[in-house]
Amino acid sequence: MHNQPQLGEVITYHLLPAQRPTNPNKEWHGRVQVVCTPDVVLVELLESGYEGLREFVRASQIVYVRSCK
């Protein structure tokens, strides 16, 4: 299990199957804007063409957390 991401950290994650990704293995990157619960964060996307968009990410989707330290 991954450590809970903190405000400002960058996470790498996969989309959920319910989001119907065209490439389920694609890694998405986002900066944590809000820690909603221990299992859900709100991120601002860092992907080219998606900058500034936000989405909720569950702990089960997270592949990697890049510490802001």
Protein backbone atom coordinates (compact mmCIF):
# COMPACT_ATOMS: atom_id res chain seq x y z
CA MET A 1 0.00 0.00 0.00
CA HIS A 2 1.20 3.50 -0.82
CA ASN A 3 1.65 6.23 1.72
CA GLN A 4 -1.19 8.71 1.76
CA PRO A 5 -0.28 11.56 -0.58
CA GLN A 6 0.06 14.97 1.01
CA LEU A 7 -0.94 18.39 -0.26
CA GLY A 8 1.37 19.52 -3.08
CA GLU A 9 2.87 16.12 -3.84
CA VAL A 10 2.84 14.75 -7.38
CA ILE A 11 1.24 11.34 -7.88
CA THR A 12 1.35 8.89 -10.74
CA TYR A 13 -1.85 6.91 -11.22
CA HIS A 14 -3.96 4.83 -13.60
CA LEU A 15 -7.54 5.57 -14.60
CA LEU A 16 -10.27 3.28 -13.26
CA PRO A 17 -11.83 0.74 -15.66
CA ALA A 18 -15.16 2.57 -15.17
CA GLN A 19 -13.52 5.64 -16.75
CA ARG A 20 -13.12 3.56 -19.93
CA PRO A 21 -9.49 4.50 -20.68
CA THR A 22 -8.34 3.85 -24.23
CA ASN A 23 -4.95 2.82 -22.77
CA PRO A 24 -5.49 1.31 -19.30
CA ASN A 25 -1.72 1.17 -18.67
CA LYS A 26 -1.15 4.87 -19.31
CA GLU A 27 0.28 6.63 -16.29
CA TRP A 28 -1.28 9.98 -15.45
CA HIS A 29 0.32 12.63 -13.28
CA GLY A 30 -1.31 15.13 -10.97
CA ARG A 31 -0.46 17.45 -8.11
CA VAL A 32 -2.52 16.89 -4.96
CA GLN A 33 -4.77 19.91 -4.34
CA VAL A 34 -7.00 18.47 -1.59
CA VAL A 35 -6.76 15.40 0.61
CA CYS A 36 -10.47 14.52 0.82
CA THR A 37 -10.26 11.30 2.85
CA PRO A 38 -7.50 8.79 3.59
CA ASP A 39 -8.53 7.04 0.35
CA VAL A 40 -9.34 9.95 -1.99
CA VAL A 41 -7.43 13.00 -3.18
CA LEU A 42 -8.28 15.74 -5.65
CA VAL A 43 -5.47 16.35 -8.13
CA GLU A 44 -4.75 18.97 -10.76
CA LEU A 45 -3.58 17.19 -13.89
CA LEU A 46 -0.08 17.86 -15.20
CA GLU A 47 -0.51 16.09 -18.55
CA SER A 48 -0.02 18.12 -21.72
CA GLY A 49 -3.41 19.22 -22.98
CA TYR A 50 -5.07 18.55 -19.62
CA GLU A 51 -3.29 21.16 -17.49
CA GLY A 52 -5.52 22.79 -14.93
CA LEU A 53 -8.21 20.10 -15.05
CA ARG A 54 -8.98 18.35 -11.78
CA GLU A 55 -10.14 14.87 -10.90
CA PHE A 56 -10.57 12.66 -7.88
CA VAL A 57 -8.11 9.78 -7.49
CA ARG A 58 -8.55 6.80 -5.19
CA ALA A 59 -5.67 5.24 -3.28
CA SER A 60 -6.11 2.03 -5.31
CA GLN A 61 -5.27 3.94 -8.52
CA ILE A 62 -1.98 5.37 -7.27
CA VAL A 63 1.20 3.85 -8.65
CA TYR A 64 3.75 6.25 -7.17
CA VAL A 65 3.93 9.30 -4.88
CA ARG A 66 6.73 11.78 -5.44
CA SER A 67 7.49 13.42 -2.14
CA CYS A 68 7.66 17.20 -2.06
CA LYS A 69 10.51 17.04 0.50
